[in-house]
Structures are given as C-alpha cells and as structure tokens.
Amino acid sequence: MNKAALRILYKGKRDKLTQEDIEALSLDIANQSLNLPIWHRTYFHIFLPISSKKEVNTEYLLHILQGRDKSIVVPKAEFDSGKMKHILLQENTVLKKSSYGIPEPVDGIEIPANKMEVVFVPLLAYDKKGNRIGYGKGFYDRFLQECNDSCVFVGLSFFEPENTLKNEVQDIPLHFCVTPDKLYHF
C-alpha cells in the first residue's frame, strides 16, 4: 500500500474512535511509556494533539514529564518555511490554536533542535522497522535531521505496526513506538 492509501486507512481508523476511546488509549500509552529507557534525560520535545484529527492526547505524558521535573519543549509550525520552532513550555506559556487546529505557544524561549534528548513524534502509521508516515508535510523529518545523534525518537500510536512501509531517503526512523498495549524497540 502506498503512503497516500495508508494515510486514508489510518485516518479512517482514527475516525472510528470515540472521545472516550481516545482518552483511555492515550492514558494507556502514557503508562506504557514509563517502560522506556529515557527518564534519565532532561529535554523532552512533545507534540500537542490536534483534537479534530483524533491524535494521541499527550496531556497524560505531559503530566508525567512535569512530575519528573523535565524541561518540556513544544513545537510551533511555520508553514511558510516548512520548519518548526521549539519553545520551552513554562507555567506562563500561552497556547493558541493555529489556523490548522494545532495548539501552539504564542511565544517563549526557543530551544535549538540539537538540545533535544527525547522527541515524542506524531504519526499516522509505522512499521516493524520504525519507519513512520505522518501527514506528509515533512515537518518532523526536517526537525529530526537537526537533532543530535544521541536523541531518542519515540512514536505514539493507537495501532499496531504495518509489516513494511516504503522508506524514502529523507525519512527518519523511530527508535521506539508506544501503543496502549506494547512498547516497540527498533
């Protein structure tokens, strides 16, 4: 199946989830993430979910990170340049939904990509080798290329992996993917 068909398939799978399903599965993903070998690190980059796209609710993961006193960084997409800024999430950080429905910081302290130690990556689908499919804009592939070699990339998914996805040169594979029932290591 090509990427376009997989995007349609997984958007359809998400559409079948109720809000209650999303909350329960997202909580399970957050609890499953506690098994990751990442908690000694300091700088964590996490996406804020687009609720209309029924993404994993990362609020539960945010609570874990805050409880462990981690430095939390959230993205701000710049659609003109195709890049993201990475803003430190603080108590006084004001979040506003962009025209794409993405909760983003209005402003704040920018943290360079090479400072990230763990990145929680949104995705639609992934395979057993850690290859992922996002929405197709390439924001995360460009961002992950800027991260240092020791940075850990963690996908979050409601679903199990595909056997194989067609990988392209610019695609950056994950190190882990967390589902409600299992932790995959690639």
Protein backbone atom coordinates (compact mmCIF):
# COMPACT_ATOMS: atom_id res chain seq x y z
CA MET A 1 0.00 0.00 0.00
CA ASN A 2 1.39 3.44 -0.86
CA LYS A 3 1.66 6.33 1.60
CA ALA A 4 -1.47 8.11 0.37
CA ALA A 5 -3.56 4.96 0.81
CA LEU A 6 -2.10 4.32 4.26
CA ARG A 7 -2.87 7.88 5.33
CA ILE A 8 -6.50 7.39 4.29
CA LEU A 9 -6.67 4.00 6.04
CA TYR A 10 -5.28 5.26 9.36
CA LYS A 11 -7.30 8.48 9.34
CA GLY A 12 -10.33 6.21 8.88
CA LYS A 13 -9.27 4.02 11.81
CA ARG A 14 -8.92 7.10 14.00
CA ASP A 15 -12.30 8.42 12.89
CA LYS A 16 -13.92 5.28 14.34
CA LEU A 17 -12.52 6.06 17.81
CA THR A 18 -14.81 7.80 20.27
CA GLN A 19 -13.53 10.57 22.56
CA GLU A 20 -13.73 8.06 25.43
CA ASP A 21 -11.60 5.59 23.40
CA ILE A 22 -9.00 8.28 22.71
CA GLU A 23 -8.75 9.27 26.37
CA ALA A 24 -8.47 5.66 27.62
CA LEU A 25 -5.96 4.65 24.94
CA SER A 26 -3.91 7.82 25.47
CA LEU A 27 -3.72 7.11 29.21
CA ASP A 28 -2.58 3.55 28.43
CA ILE A 29 0.11 4.93 26.09
CA ALA A 30 1.35 7.31 28.80
CA ASN A 31 1.51 4.46 31.32
CA GLN A 32 3.27 2.21 28.79
CA SER A 33 5.82 5.00 28.17
CA LEU A 34 7.06 4.59 31.74
CA ASN A 35 8.85 1.44 30.47
CA LEU A 36 11.01 3.48 28.07
CA PRO A 37 14.73 3.84 28.93
CA ILE A 38 14.58 7.64 28.64
CA TRP A 39 13.70 9.00 32.05
CA HIS A 40 17.27 9.98 32.99
CA ARG A 41 17.23 12.59 30.20
CA THR A 42 16.29 16.26 30.61
CA TYR A 43 15.00 17.88 27.37
CA PHE A 44 11.78 16.34 26.04
CA HIS A 45 10.05 17.57 22.89
CA ILE A 46 6.37 16.68 22.75
CA PHE A 47 3.64 17.49 20.25
CA LEU A 48 0.33 18.92 21.39
CA PRO A 49 -2.52 16.99 19.77
CA ILE A 50 -4.82 18.20 17.04
CA SER A 51 -8.10 17.08 18.58
CA SER A 52 -10.01 17.26 15.28
CA LYS A 53 -7.57 14.68 13.84
CA LYS A 54 -8.07 12.41 16.86
CA GLU A 55 -4.37 12.29 17.71
CA VAL A 56 -2.99 10.69 20.86
CA ASN A 57 -3.78 13.00 23.77
CA THR A 58 -0.32 13.85 25.11
CA GLU A 59 -1.71 15.60 28.19
CA TYR A 60 -1.09 12.44 30.25
CA LEU A 61 2.54 12.30 29.10
CA LEU A 62 2.88 16.00 29.90
CA HIS A 63 1.80 15.29 33.49
CA ILE A 64 4.44 12.56 33.78
CA LEU A 65 7.12 14.89 32.41
CA GLN A 66 6.09 17.71 34.73
CA GLY A 67 6.01 15.34 37.69
CA ARG A 68 9.57 14.30 36.90
CA ASP A 69 10.66 17.95 36.56
CA LYS A 70 11.73 17.62 32.91
CA SER A 71 12.33 20.50 30.53
CA ILE A 72 9.40 20.26 28.12
CA VAL A 73 9.60 21.73 24.65
CA VAL A 74 6.63 22.10 22.28
CA PRO A 75 6.61 22.83 18.54
CA LYS A 76 5.39 25.88 16.68
CA ALA A 77 4.99 25.16 12.95
CA GLU A 78 5.99 27.75 10.39
CA PHE A 79 4.10 26.69 7.29
CA ASP A 80 5.77 29.35 5.10
CA SER A 81 9.23 27.86 5.67
CA GLY A 82 8.20 24.26 6.41
CA LYS A 83 10.17 24.36 9.65
CA MET A 84 9.30 24.28 13.33
CA LYS A 85 10.42 26.42 16.23
CA HIS A 86 10.83 24.65 19.56
CA ILE A 87 9.52 26.58 22.54
CA LEU A 88 10.15 25.78 26.21
CA LEU A 89 6.81 25.10 27.90
CA GLN A 90 6.57 27.09 31.12
CA GLU A 91 3.76 27.86 33.56
CA ASN A 92 3.14 31.21 31.87
CA THR A 93 3.32 29.90 28.28
CA VAL A 94 0.21 30.99 26.38
CA LEU A 95 -1.10 28.38 23.93
CA LYS A 96 -3.33 29.25 21.00
CA LYS A 97 -4.75 27.04 18.25
CA SER A 98 -3.26 27.80 14.85
CA SER A 99 -5.39 28.01 11.71
CA TYR A 100 -4.59 24.28 11.28
CA GLY A 101 -6.04 23.45 14.71
CA ILE A 102 -2.62 22.88 16.29
CA PRO A 103 -2.23 24.11 19.88
CA GLU A 104 0.97 26.19 19.81
CA PRO A 105 2.82 28.60 22.07
CA VAL A 106 2.25 32.24 21.16
CA ASP A 107 5.87 33.00 22.05
CA GLY A 108 8.53 31.95 24.53
CA ILE A 109 12.10 30.76 24.91
CA GLU A 110 13.30 28.99 21.78
CA ILE A 111 15.39 25.86 22.32
CA PRO A 112 17.66 24.61 19.48
CA ALA A 113 16.84 21.22 17.95
CA ASN A 114 20.26 19.83 18.83
CA LYS A 115 19.47 20.31 22.55
CA MET A 116 16.59 17.77 22.45
CA GLU A 117 17.25 14.45 24.11
CA VAL A 118 13.87 12.77 23.51
CA VAL A 119 11.29 13.60 20.85
CA PHE A 120 7.74 12.24 21.00
CA VAL A 121 6.74 12.03 17.36
CA PRO A 122 3.18 12.13 15.98
CA LEU A 123 2.36 9.65 13.24
CA LEU A 124 -0.43 8.04 11.28
CA ALA A 125 1.25 4.68 10.66
CA TYR A 126 4.60 2.96 11.27
CA ASP A 127 6.23 -0.36 10.50
CA LYS A 128 8.21 -3.04 12.34
CA LYS A 129 11.48 -1.29 11.45
CA GLY A 130 10.49 2.10 12.91
CA ASN A 131 9.64 3.81 9.62
CA ARG A 132 6.72 6.21 10.03
CA ILE A 133 4.16 8.03 7.96
CA GLY A 134 2.97 11.43 9.08
CA TYR A 135 0.67 13.88 7.37
CA GLY A 136 3.12 14.41 4.51
CA LYS A 137 4.37 17.94 5.14
CA GLY A 138 7.82 16.75 6.31
CA PHE A 139 7.99 18.95 9.43
CA TYR A 140 9.19 16.15 11.69
CA ASP A 141 11.62 14.64 9.17
CA ARG A 142 13.33 18.03 8.82
CA PHE A 143 13.32 18.55 12.58
CA LEU A 144 14.65 15.07 13.42
CA GLN A 145 17.54 15.59 10.99
CA GLU A 146 18.60 18.61 13.09
CA CYS A 147 18.65 16.64 16.36
CA ASN A 148 21.90 15.26 17.73
CA ASP A 149 22.84 11.60 17.20
CA SER A 150 22.01 10.58 20.76
CA CYS A 151 18.45 11.93 20.64
CA VAL A 152 15.75 9.25 21.05
CA PHE A 153 12.72 9.36 18.74
CA VAL A 154 9.53 7.88 20.20
CA GLY A 155 6.37 7.43 18.13
CA LEU A 156 2.95 7.30 19.77
CA SER A 157 0.22 5.22 18.14
CA PHE A 158 -3.17 3.76 18.95
CA PHE A 159 -2.46 0.95 16.47
CA GLU A 160 -0.04 -1.90 15.84
CA PRO A 161 2.68 -1.61 13.16
CA GLU A 162 2.43 -2.44 9.49
CA ASN A 163 4.89 -5.10 8.29
CA THR A 164 6.76 -2.77 5.93
CA LEU A 165 6.42 0.82 4.76
CA LYS A 166 8.14 2.29 1.74
CA ASN A 167 11.01 4.31 3.16
CA GLU A 168 12.40 7.38 1.40
CA VAL A 169 15.84 8.95 1.85
CA GLN A 170 14.56 11.90 3.92
CA ASP A 171 12.51 9.66 6.25
CA ILE A 172 13.99 9.38 9.74
CA PRO A 173 13.13 6.13 11.57
CA LEU A 174 11.93 5.93 15.15
CA HIS A 175 13.85 4.26 17.98
CA PHE A 176 10.65 3.28 19.80
CA CYS A 177 6.89 3.33 19.34
CA VAL A 178 4.47 3.20 22.25
CA THR A 179 0.99 1.71 21.82
CA PRO A 180 -1.64 1.16 24.51
CA ASP A 181 -0.55 -2.47 24.89
CA LYS A 182 3.07 -2.67 23.83
CA LEU A 183 6.41 -0.90 23.57
CA TYR A 184 8.22 -1.46 20.27
CA HIS A 185 12.01 -1.05 20.08
CA PHE A 186 13.63 -0.67 16.65
